[in-house]
Amino acid sequence: MRHSVIRAPAVPSPFILASNSPRRRVLLAEAGYEFEVIAPAVSEVASANLSLRELTIANATRKGLAVSQVHPHRIVLAADTLVALEGEVIGKTMSARGFS
């Protein structure tokens, strides 16, 4: 009986991480990915008309688009995180200590 190994598709290295998040850098590096960090200078969306999920997606999309327009032939990974309490955005935190 033959066994085959299923592997995740390889990601062309290095891709671009469009984020200033130190935690994202650590997670990706620990997972073995090679990447370049280019944090875009974009203003974030802050709209009461969007749900928390929509707001987070909108901000991640803005970051990704800003970097991909400058580097159109590269893979770009963008993300965003918001901190909310009872459905209200209270901002961003730099570490878990910010919650205490």
PDB file of N, CA and C in Angstrom:
ATOM      1  N   MET A   1       0.838  -1.171   0.000  1.00  0.00           N
ATOM      2  CA  MET A   1       0.000   0.000   0.000  1.00  0.00           C
ATOM      3  C   MET A   1       0.884   1.235   0.000  1.00  0.00           C
ATOM      4  N   ARG A   2       0.596   2.156  -0.906  1.00  0.00           N
ATOM      5  CA  ARG A   2       1.384   3.382  -1.011  1.00  0.00           C
ATOM      6  C   ARG A   2       0.699   4.497  -0.241  1.00  0.00           C
ATOM      7  N   HIS A   3       1.496   5.262   0.426  1.00  0.00           N
ATOM      8  CA  HIS A   3       0.994   6.430   1.150  1.00  0.00           C
ATOM      9  C   HIS A   3       1.531   7.682   0.466  1.00  0.00           C
ATOM     10  N   SER A   4       0.692   8.641   0.323  1.00  0.00           N
ATOM     11  CA  SER A   4       1.169   9.899  -0.227  1.00  0.00           C
ATOM     12  C   SER A   4       1.058  10.988   0.829  1.00  0.00           C
ATOM     13  N   VAL A   5       1.968  11.917   0.756  1.00  0.00           N
ATOM     14  CA  VAL A   5       1.983  13.037   1.693  1.00  0.00           C
ATOM     15  C   VAL A   5       1.292  14.210   1.019  1.00  0.00           C
ATOM     16  N   ILE A   6       0.345  14.774   1.728  1.00  0.00           N
ATOM     17  CA  ILE A   6      -0.354  15.953   1.214  1.00  0.00           C
ATOM     18  C   ILE A   6       0.310  17.172   1.829  1.00  0.00           C
ATOM     19  N   ARG A   7       0.757  18.069   0.983  1.00  0.00           N
ATOM     20  CA  ARG A   7       1.426  19.270   1.454  1.00  0.00           C
ATOM     21  C   ARG A   7       0.617  20.502   1.047  1.00  0.00           C
ATOM     22  N   ALA A   8       0.697  21.517   1.889  1.00  0.00           N
ATOM     23  CA  ALA A   8       0.061  22.789   1.552  1.00  0.00           C
ATOM     24  C   ALA A   8       0.813  23.390   0.371  1.00  0.00           C
ATOM     25  N   PRO A   9       0.107  24.113  -0.480  1.00  0.00           N
ATOM     26  CA  PRO A   9       0.788  24.743  -1.610  1.00  0.00           C
ATOM     27  C   PRO A   9       1.862  25.710  -1.120  1.00  0.00           C
ATOM     28  N   ALA A  10       2.962  25.746  -1.819  1.00  0.00           N
ATOM     29  CA  ALA A  10       4.052  26.646  -1.455  1.00  0.00           C
ATOM     30  C   ALA A  10       3.661  28.081  -1.783  1.00  0.00           C
ATOM     31  N   VAL A  11       4.061  28.979  -0.915  1.00  0.00           N
ATOM     32  CA  VAL A  11       3.832  30.401  -1.147  1.00  0.00           C
ATOM     33  C   VAL A  11       5.123  30.980  -1.679  1.00  0.00           C
ATOM     34  N   PRO A  12       5.057  31.636  -2.846  1.00  0.00           N
ATOM     35  CA  PRO A  12       6.281  32.241  -3.366  1.00  0.00           C
ATOM     36  C   PRO A  12       6.873  33.183  -2.322  1.00  0.00           C
ATOM     37  N   SER A  13       8.150  33.065  -2.090  1.00  0.00           N
ATOM     38  CA  SER A  13       8.805  33.885  -1.079  1.00  0.00           C
ATOM     39  C   SER A  13       9.663  34.927  -1.733  1.00  0.00           C
ATOM     40  N   PRO A  14       9.869  36.004  -1.072  1.00  0.00           N
ATOM     41  CA  PRO A  14       9.085  36.438   0.079  1.00  0.00           C
ATOM     42  C   PRO A  14       7.846  37.213  -0.375  1.00  0.00           C
ATOM     43  N   PHE A  15       6.770  37.048   0.343  1.00  0.00           N
ATOM     44  CA  PHE A  15       5.583  37.854   0.066  1.00  0.00           C
ATOM     45  C   PHE A  15       5.685  39.121   0.910  1.00  0.00           C
ATOM     46  N   ILE A  16       4.749  40.038   0.720  1.00  0.00           N
ATOM     47  CA  ILE A  16       4.758  41.294   1.467  1.00  0.00           C
ATOM     48  C   ILE A  16       3.674  41.252   2.532  1.00  0.00           C
ATOM     49  N   LEU A  17       4.048  41.581   3.753  1.00  0.00           N
ATOM     50  CA  LEU A  17       3.092  41.742   4.837  1.00  0.00           C
ATOM     51  C   LEU A  17       2.798  43.231   4.946  1.00  0.00           C
ATOM     52  N   ALA A  18       1.569  43.614   4.639  1.00  0.00           N
ATOM     53  CA  ALA A  18       1.156  45.022   4.676  1.00  0.00           C
ATOM     54  C   ALA A  18       0.569  45.320   6.046  1.00  0.00           C
ATOM     55  N   SER A  19       1.436  45.334   7.059  1.00  0.00           N
ATOM     56  CA  SER A  19       0.969  45.497   8.429  1.00  0.00           C
ATOM     57  C   SER A  19       2.105  45.940   9.335  1.00  0.00           C
ATOM     58  N   ASN A  20       1.776  46.739  10.338  1.00  0.00           N
ATOM     59  CA  ASN A  20       2.747  47.133  11.359  1.00  0.00           C
ATOM     60  C   ASN A  20       2.703  46.217  12.568  1.00  0.00           C
ATOM     61  N   SER A  21       1.845  45.212  12.552  1.00  0.00           N
ATOM     62  CA  SER A  21       1.614  44.371  13.721  1.00  0.00           C
ATOM     63  C   SER A  21       2.814  43.503  14.073  1.00  0.00           C
ATOM     64  N   PRO A  22       3.407  43.731  15.240  1.00  0.00           N
ATOM     65  CA  PRO A  22       4.514  42.873  15.668  1.00  0.00           C
ATOM     66  C   PRO A  22       4.059  41.419  15.842  1.00  0.00           C
ATOM     67  N   ARG A  23       2.842  41.210  16.297  1.00  0.00           N
ATOM     68  CA  ARG A  23       2.341  39.843  16.515  1.00  0.00           C
ATOM     69  C   ARG A  23       2.208  39.094  15.195  1.00  0.00           C
ATOM     70  N   ARG A  24       1.718  39.754  14.158  1.00  0.00           N
ATOM     71  CA  ARG A  24       1.620  39.095  12.846  1.00  0.00           C
ATOM     72  C   ARG A  24       2.997  38.683  12.341  1.00  0.00           C
ATOM     73  N   ARG A  25       3.977  39.543  12.548  1.00  0.00           N
ATOM     74  CA  ARG A  25       5.353  39.215  12.135  1.00  0.00           C
ATOM     75  C   ARG A  25       5.838  37.956  12.843  1.00  0.00           C
ATOM     76  N   VAL A  26       5.623  37.902  14.143  1.00  0.00           N
ATOM     77  CA  VAL A  26       6.065  36.748  14.930  1.00  0.00           C
ATOM     78  C   VAL A  26       5.349  35.483  14.474  1.00  0.00           C
ATOM     79  N   LEU A  27       4.034  35.546  14.324  1.00  0.00           N
ATOM     80  CA  LEU A  27       3.264  34.360  13.916  1.00  0.00           C
ATOM     81  C   LEU A  27       3.726  33.830  12.567  1.00  0.00           C
ATOM     82  N   LEU A  28       3.916  34.720  11.609  1.00  0.00           N
ATOM     83  CA  LEU A  28       4.344  34.284  10.274  1.00  0.00           C
ATOM     84  C   LEU A  28       5.772  33.735  10.290  1.00  0.00           C
ATOM     85  N   ALA A  29       6.647  34.390  11.024  1.00  0.00           N
ATOM     86  CA  ALA A  29       8.036  33.917  11.112  1.00  0.00           C
ATOM     87  C   ALA A  29       8.093  32.555  11.800  1.00  0.00           C
ATOM     88  N   GLU A  30       7.330  32.394  12.872  1.00  0.00           N
ATOM     89  CA  GLU A  30       7.317  31.102  13.573  1.00  0.00           C
ATOM     90  C   GLU A  30       6.741  29.993  12.708  1.00  0.00           C
ATOM     91  N   ALA A  31       5.864  30.351  11.787  1.00  0.00           N
ATOM     92  CA  ALA A  31       5.293  29.358  10.873  1.00  0.00           C
ATOM     93  C   ALA A  31       6.247  29.043   9.718  1.00  0.00           C
ATOM     94  N   GLY A  32       7.370  29.745   9.657  1.00  0.00           N
ATOM     95  CA  GLY A  32       8.382  29.447   8.654  1.00  0.00           C
ATOM     96  C   GLY A  32       8.284  30.243   7.371  1.00  0.00           C
ATOM     97  N   TYR A  33       7.447  31.254   7.349  1.00  0.00           N
ATOM     98  CA  TYR A  33       7.306  32.056   6.134  1.00  0.00           C
ATOM     99  C   TYR A  33       8.399  33.106   6.037  1.00  0.00           C
ATOM    100  N   GLU A  34       8.802  33.381   4.808  1.00  0.00           N
ATOM    101  CA  GLU A  34       9.727  34.474   4.534  1.00  0.00           C
ATOM    102  C   GLU A  34       8.899  35.597   3.958  1.00  0.00           C
ATOM    103  N   PHE A  35       9.062  36.796   4.503  1.00  0.00           N
ATOM    104  CA  PHE A  35       8.252  37.915   4.038  1.00  0.00           C
ATOM    105  C   PHE A  35       8.986  39.226   4.265  1.00  0.00           C
ATOM    106  N   GLU A  36       8.519  40.224   3.571  1.00  0.00           N
ATOM    107  CA  GLU A  36       9.014  41.587   3.699  1.00  0.00           C
ATOM    108  C   GLU A  36       7.873  42.409   4.281  1.00  0.00           C
ATOM    109  N   VAL A  37       8.175  43.302   5.205  1.00  0.00           N
ATOM    110  CA  VAL A  37       7.142  44.140   5.800  1.00  0.00           C
ATOM    111  C   VAL A  37       7.137  45.500   5.115  1.00  0.00           C
ATOM    112  N   ILE A  38       5.995  45.853   4.567  1.00  0.00           N
ATOM    113  CA  ILE A  38       5.783  47.189   4.015  1.00  0.00           C
ATOM    114  C   ILE A  38       4.453  47.677   4.567  1.00  0.00           C
ATOM    115  N   ALA A  39       4.530  48.532   5.562  1.00  0.00           N
ATOM    116  CA  ALA A  39       3.311  49.045   6.192  1.00  0.00           C
ATOM    117  C   ALA A  39       2.878  50.309   5.457  1.00  0.00           C
ATOM    118  N   PRO A  40       1.710  50.276   4.836  1.00  0.00           N
ATOM    119  CA  PRO A  40       1.269  51.426   4.058  1.00  0.00           C
ATOM    120  C   PRO A  40       0.824  52.589   4.946  1.00  0.00           C
ATOM    121  N   ALA A  41       1.000  53.783   4.446  1.00  0.00           N
ATOM    122  CA  ALA A  41       0.536  54.976   5.154  1.00  0.00           C
ATOM    123  C   ALA A  41      -0.854  55.329   4.630  1.00  0.00           C
ATOM    124  N   VAL A  42      -1.844  54.597   5.098  1.00  0.00           N
ATOM    125  CA  VAL A  42      -3.226  54.867   4.686  1.00  0.00           C
ATOM    126  C   VAL A  42      -4.045  55.235   5.914  1.00  0.00           C
ATOM    127  N   SER A  43      -4.996  56.123   5.710  1.00  0.00           N
ATOM    128  CA  SER A  43      -5.887  56.451   6.818  1.00  0.00           C
ATOM    129  C   SER A  43      -6.918  55.337   6.943  1.00  0.00           C
ATOM    130  N   GLU A  44      -7.248  55.008   8.161  1.00  0.00           N
ATOM    131  CA  GLU A  44      -8.192  53.920   8.386  1.00  0.00           C
ATOM    132  C   GLU A  44      -9.622  54.427   8.354  1.00  0.00           C
ATOM    133  N   VAL A  45     -10.498  53.566   7.900  1.00  0.00           N
ATOM    134  CA  VAL A  45     -11.922  53.869   7.846  1.00  0.00           C
ATOM    135  C   VAL A  45     -12.476  53.797   9.267  1.00  0.00           C
ATOM    136  N   ALA A  46     -13.298  54.766   9.629  1.00  0.00           N
ATOM    137  CA  ALA A  46     -13.972  54.759  10.929  1.00  0.00           C
ATOM    138  C   ALA A  46     -15.408  55.216  10.671  1.00  0.00           C
ATOM    139  N   SER A  47     -16.263  54.273  10.371  1.00  0.00           N
ATOM    140  CA  SER A  47     -17.631  54.602   9.992  1.00  0.00           C
ATOM    141  C   SER A  47     -18.639  53.898  10.888  1.00  0.00           C
ATOM    142  N   ALA A  48     -19.590  54.681  11.376  1.00  0.00           N
ATOM    143  CA  ALA A  48     -20.658  54.107  12.197  1.00  0.00           C
ATOM    144  C   ALA A  48     -21.627  53.301  11.341  1.00  0.00           C
ATOM    145  N   ASN A  49     -21.532  53.443  10.026  1.00  0.00           N
ATOM    146  CA  ASN A  49     -22.441  52.737   9.122  1.00  0.00           C
ATOM    147  C   ASN A  49     -21.987  51.318   8.812  1.00  0.00           C
ATOM    148  N   LEU A  50     -20.803  50.931   9.280  1.00  0.00           N
ATOM    149  CA  LEU A  50     -20.266  49.607   9.007  1.00  0.00           C
ATOM    150  C   LEU A  50     -20.260  48.766  10.279  1.00  0.00           C
ATOM    151  N   SER A  51     -20.477  47.468  10.111  1.00  0.00           N
ATOM    152  CA  SER A  51     -20.360  46.552  11.248  1.00  0.00           C
ATOM    153  C   SER A  51     -18.878  46.418  11.594  1.00  0.00           C
ATOM    154  N   LEU A  52     -18.580  45.849  12.748  1.00  0.00           N
ATOM    155  CA  LEU A  52     -17.182  45.642  13.135  1.00  0.00           C
ATOM    156  C   LEU A  52     -16.444  44.807  12.105  1.00  0.00           C
ATOM    157  N   ARG A  53     -17.117  43.779  11.622  1.00  0.00           N
ATOM    158  CA  ARG A  53     -16.502  42.919  10.606  1.00  0.00           C
ATOM    159  C   ARG A  53     -16.240  43.702   9.321  1.00  0.00           C
ATOM    160  N   GLU A  54     -17.229  44.459   8.869  1.00  0.00           N
ATOM    161  CA  GLU A  54     -17.063  45.247   7.639  1.00  0.00           C
ATOM    162  C   GLU A  54     -15.962  46.290   7.791  1.00  0.00           C
ATOM    163  N   LEU A  55     -15.876  46.904   8.955  1.00  0.00           N
ATOM    164  CA  LEU A  55     -14.856  47.911   9.214  1.00  0.00           C
ATOM    165  C   LEU A  55     -13.457  47.301   9.177  1.00  0.00           C
ATOM    166  N   THR A  56     -13.311  46.137   9.778  1.00  0.00           N
ATOM    167  CA  THR A  56     -12.023  45.447   9.778  1.00  0.00           C
ATOM    168  C   THR A  56     -11.625  45.033   8.364  1.00  0.00           C
ATOM    169  N   ILE A  57     -12.579  44.509   7.612  1.00  0.00           N
ATOM    170  CA  ILE A  57     -12.304  44.107   6.222  1.00  0.00           C
ATOM    171  C   ILE A  57     -11.953  45.320   5.373  1.00  0.00           C
ATOM    172  N   ALA A  58     -12.673  46.423   5.561  1.00  0.00           N
ATOM    173  CA  ALA A  58     -12.403  47.640   4.791  1.00  0.00           C
ATOM    174  C   ALA A  58     -10.985  48.148   5.048  1.00  0.00           C
ATOM    175  N   ASN A  59     -10.571  48.159   6.317  1.00  0.00           N
ATOM    176  CA  ASN A  59      -9.227  48.638   6.636  1.00  0.00           C
ATOM    177  C   ASN A  59      -8.143  47.710   6.106  1.00  0.00           C
ATOM    178  N   ALA A  60      -8.342  46.429   6.199  1.00  0.00           N
ATOM    179  CA  ALA A  60      -7.371  45.469   5.655  1.00  0.00           C
ATOM    180  C   ALA A  60      -7.281  45.609   4.141  1.00  0.00           C
ATOM    181  N   THR A  61      -8.416  45.787   3.503  1.00  0.00           N
ATOM    182  CA  THR A  61      -8.442  45.948   2.046  1.00  0.00           C
ATOM    183  C   THR A  61      -7.699  47.205   1.618  1.00  0.00           C
ATOM    184  N   ARG A  62      -7.911  48.304   2.327  1.00  0.00           N
ATOM    185  CA  ARG A  62      -7.203  49.556   2.004  1.00  0.00           C
ATOM    186  C   ARG A  62      -5.686  49.369   2.102  1.00  0.00           C
ATOM    187  N   LYS A  63      -5.240  48.681   3.148  1.00  0.00           N
ATOM    188  CA  LYS A  63      -3.802  48.433   3.317  1.00  0.00           C
ATOM    189  C   LYS A  63      -3.262  47.572   2.182  1.00  0.00           C
ATOM    190  N   GLY A  64      -3.972  46.498   1.882  1.00  0.00           N
ATOM    191  CA  GLY A  64      -3.526  45.590   0.829  1.00  0.00           C
ATOM    192  C   GLY A  64      -3.486  46.250  -0.532  1.00  0.00           C
ATOM    193  N   LEU A  65      -4.506  47.023  -0.842  1.00  0.00           N
ATOM    194  CA  LEU A  65      -4.541  47.713  -2.134  1.00  0.00           C
ATOM    195  C   LEU A  65      -3.433  48.747  -2.256  1.00  0.00           C
ATOM    196  N   ALA A  66      -3.170  49.478  -1.188  1.00  0.00           N
ATOM    197  CA  ALA A  66      -2.120  50.496  -1.226  1.00  0.00           C
ATOM    198  C   ALA A  66      -0.759  49.873  -1.555  1.00  0.00           C
ATOM    199  N   VAL A  67      -0.466  48.733  -0.932  1.00  0.00           N
ATOM    200  CA  VAL A  67       0.821  48.080  -1.173  1.00  0.00           C
ATOM    201  C   VAL A  67       0.835  47.398  -2.531  1.00  0.00           C
ATOM    202  N   SER A  68      -0.261  46.744  -2.910  1.00  0.00           N
ATOM    203  CA  SER A  68      -0.278  46.020  -4.185  1.00  0.00           C
ATOM    204  C   SER A  68      -0.224  46.961  -5.386  1.00  0.00           C
ATOM    205  N   GLN A  69      -0.658  48.201  -5.228  1.00  0.00           N
ATOM    206  CA  GLN A  69      -0.545  49.166  -6.331  1.00  0.00           C
ATOM    207  C   GLN A  69       0.905  49.537  -6.594  1.00  0.00           C
ATOM    208  N   VAL A  70       1.719  49.538  -5.558  1.00  0.00           N
ATOM    209  CA  VAL A  70       3.147  49.841  -5.702  1.00  0.00           C
ATOM    210  C   VAL A  70       3.937  48.599  -6.117  1.00  0.00           C
ATOM    211  N   HIS A  71       3.449  47.419  -5.722  1.00  0.00           N
ATOM    212  CA  HIS A  71       4.117  46.146  -6.009  1.00  0.00           C
ATOM    213  C   HIS A  71       3.112  45.199  -6.676  1.00  0.00           C
ATOM    214  N   PRO A  72       2.715  45.490  -7.917  1.00  0.00           N
ATOM    215  CA  PRO A  72       1.632  44.731  -8.556  1.00  0.00           C
ATOM    216  C   PRO A  72       1.945  43.261  -8.862  1.00  0.00           C
ATOM    217  N   HIS A  73       3.204  42.880  -8.856  1.00  0.00           N
ATOM    218  CA  HIS A  73       3.559  41.497  -9.206  1.00  0.00           C
ATOM    219  C   HIS A  73       3.966  40.675  -7.984  1.00  0.00           C
ATOM    220  N   ARG A  74       3.651  41.181  -6.812  1.00  0.00           N
ATOM    221  CA  ARG A  74       3.987  40.482  -5.582  1.00  0.00           C
ATOM    222  C   ARG A  74       2.713  40.041  -4.867  1.00  0.00           C
ATOM    223  N   ILE A  75       2.824  38.998  -4.082  1.00  0.00           N
ATOM    224  CA  ILE A  75       1.720  38.577  -3.219  1.00  0.00           C
ATOM    225  C   ILE A  75       1.749  39.460  -1.981  1.00  0.00           C
ATOM    226  N   VAL A  76       0.580  39.999  -1.624  1.00  0.00           N
ATOM    227  CA  VAL A  76       0.472  40.900  -0.476  1.00  0.00           C
ATOM    228  C   VAL A  76      -0.522  40.311   0.510  1.00  0.00           C
ATOM    229  N   LEU A  77      -0.124  40.258   1.776  1.00  0.00           N
ATOM    230  CA  LEU A  77      -0.996  39.821   2.860  1.00  0.00           C
ATOM    231  C   LEU A  77      -1.272  41.033   3.736  1.00  0.00           C
ATOM    232  N   ALA A  78      -2.548  41.375   3.868  1.00  0.00           N
ATOM    233  CA  ALA A  78      -2.945  42.508   4.706  1.00  0.00           C
ATOM    234  C   ALA A  78      -3.998  42.037   5.694  1.00  0.00           C
ATOM    235  N   ALA A  79      -3.992  42.650   6.863  1.00  0.00           N
ATOM    236  CA  ALA A  79      -4.968  42.302   7.895  1.00  0.00           C
ATOM    237  C   ALA A  79      -5.211  43.520   8.762  1.00  0.00           C
ATOM    238  N   ASP A  80      -6.259  43.456   9.538  1.00  0.00           N
ATOM    239  CA  ASP A  80      -6.557  44.530  10.473  1.00  0.00           C
ATOM    240  C   ASP A  80      -7.211  43.931  11.709  1.00  0.00           C
ATOM    241  N   THR A  81      -7.002  44.559  12.831  1.00  0.00           N
ATOM    242  CA  THR A  81      -7.598  44.115  14.086  1.00  0.00           C
ATOM    243  C   THR A  81      -8.213  45.317  14.784  1.00  0.00           C
ATOM    244  N   LEU A  82      -9.406  45.139  15.276  1.00  0.00           N
ATOM    245  CA  LEU A  82     -10.052  46.161  16.097  1.00  0.00           C
ATOM    246  C   LEU A  82     -10.380  45.563  17.446  1.00  0.00           C
ATOM    247  N   VAL A  83     -10.333  46.383  18.457  1.00  0.00           N
ATOM    248  CA  VAL A  83     -10.724  45.957  19.788  1.00  0.00           C
ATOM    249  C   VAL A  83     -12.100  46.561  20.052  1.00  0.00           C
ATOM    250  N   ALA A  84     -13.046  45.704  20.444  1.00  0.00           N
ATOM    251  CA  ALA A  84     -14.407  46.173  20.696  1.00  0.00           C
ATOM    252  C   ALA A  84     -14.905  45.631  22.027  1.00  0.00           C
ATOM    253  N   LEU A  85     -15.767  46.395  22.641  1.00  0.00           N
ATOM    254  CA  LEU A  85     -16.405  45.993  23.877  1.00  0.00           C
ATOM    255  C   LEU A  85     -17.899  46.212  23.712  1.00  0.00           C
ATOM    256  N   GLU A  86     -18.659  45.133  23.852  1.00  0.00           N
ATOM    257  CA  GLU A  86     -20.106  45.175  23.685  1.00  0.00           C
ATOM    258  C   GLU A  86     -20.508  45.818  22.353  1.00  0.00           C
ATOM    259  N   GLY A  87     -19.763  45.453  21.300  1.00  0.00           N
ATOM    260  CA  GLY A  87     -20.093  45.908  19.958  1.00  0.00           C
ATOM    261  C   GLY A  87     -19.591  47.298  19.602  1.00  0.00           C
ATOM    262  N   GLU A  88     -18.929  47.975  20.513  1.00  0.00           N
ATOM    263  CA  GLU A  88     -18.409  49.314  20.260  1.00  0.00           C
ATOM    264  C   GLU A  88     -16.891  49.269  20.125  1.00  0.00           C
ATOM    265  N   VAL A  89     -16.372  49.881  19.059  1.00  0.00           N
ATOM    266  CA  VAL A  89     -14.930  49.920  18.851  1.00  0.00           C
ATOM    267  C   VAL A  89     -14.303  50.793  19.925  1.00  0.00           C
ATOM    268  N   ILE A  90     -13.303  50.235  20.601  1.00  0.00           N
ATOM    269  CA  ILE A  90     -12.592  51.022  21.610  1.00  0.00           C
ATOM    270  C   ILE A  90     -11.143  51.253  21.200  1.00  0.00           C
ATOM    271  N   GLY A  91     -10.789  50.823  20.000  1.00  0.00           N
ATOM    272  CA  GLY A  91      -9.466  51.115  19.482  1.00  0.00           C
ATOM    273  C   GLY A  91      -8.653  49.881  19.178  1.00  0.00           C
ATOM    274  N   LYS A  92      -7.336  50.088  19.215  1.00  0.00           N
ATOM    275  CA  LYS A  92      -6.381  49.025  18.952  1.00  0.00           C
ATOM    276  C   LYS A  92      -5.465  48.938  20.155  1.00  0.00           C
ATOM    277  N   THR A  93      -4.880  47.786  20.337  1.00  0.00           N
ATOM    278  CA  THR A  93      -3.922  47.626  21.423  1.00  0.00           C
ATOM    279  C   THR A  93      -2.641  47.045  20.859  1.00  0.00           C
ATOM    280  N   MET A  94      -1.550  47.383  21.448  1.00  0.00           N
ATOM    281  CA  MET A  94      -0.256  46.889  20.973  1.00  0.00           C
ATOM    282  C   MET A  94       0.094  45.533  21.559  1.00  0.00           C
ATOM    283  N   SER A  95      -0.536  45.171  22.694  1.00  0.00           N
ATOM    284  CA  SER A  95      -0.220  43.890  23.315  1.00  0.00           C
ATOM    285  C   SER A  95      -1.371  43.469  24.206  1.00  0.00           C
ATOM    286  N   ALA A  96      -1.275  42.244  24.710  1.00  0.00           N
ATOM    287  CA  ALA A  96      -2.301  41.752  25.629  1.00  0.00           C
ATOM    288  C   ALA A  96      -2.345  42.586  26.896  1.00  0.00           C
ATOM    289  N   ARG A  97      -1.240  43.236  27.269  1.00  0.00           N
ATOM    290  CA  ARG A  97      -1.221  44.081  28.455  1.00  0.00           C
ATOM    291  C   ARG A  97      -2.197  45.248  28.333  1.00  0.00           C
ATOM    292  N   GLY A  98      -2.487  45.653  27.102  1.00  0.00           N
ATOM    293  CA  GLY A  98      -3.408  46.759  26.889  1.00  0.00           C
ATOM    294  C   GLY A  98      -4.819  46.450  27.351  1.00  0.00           C
ATOM    295  N   PHE A  99      -5.128  45.175  27.593  1.00  0.00           N
ATOM    296  CA  PHE A  99      -6.460  44.772  28.026  1.00  0.00           C
ATOM    297  C   PHE A  99      -6.612  44.784  29.535  1.00  0.00           C
ATOM    298  N   SER A 100      -5.504  44.863  30.266  1.00  0.00           N
ATOM    299  CA  SER A 100      -5.601  44.764  31.724  1.00  0.00           C
ATOM    300  C   SER A 100      -5.959  46.084  32.375  1.00  0.00           C
TER     301      SER A 100
END
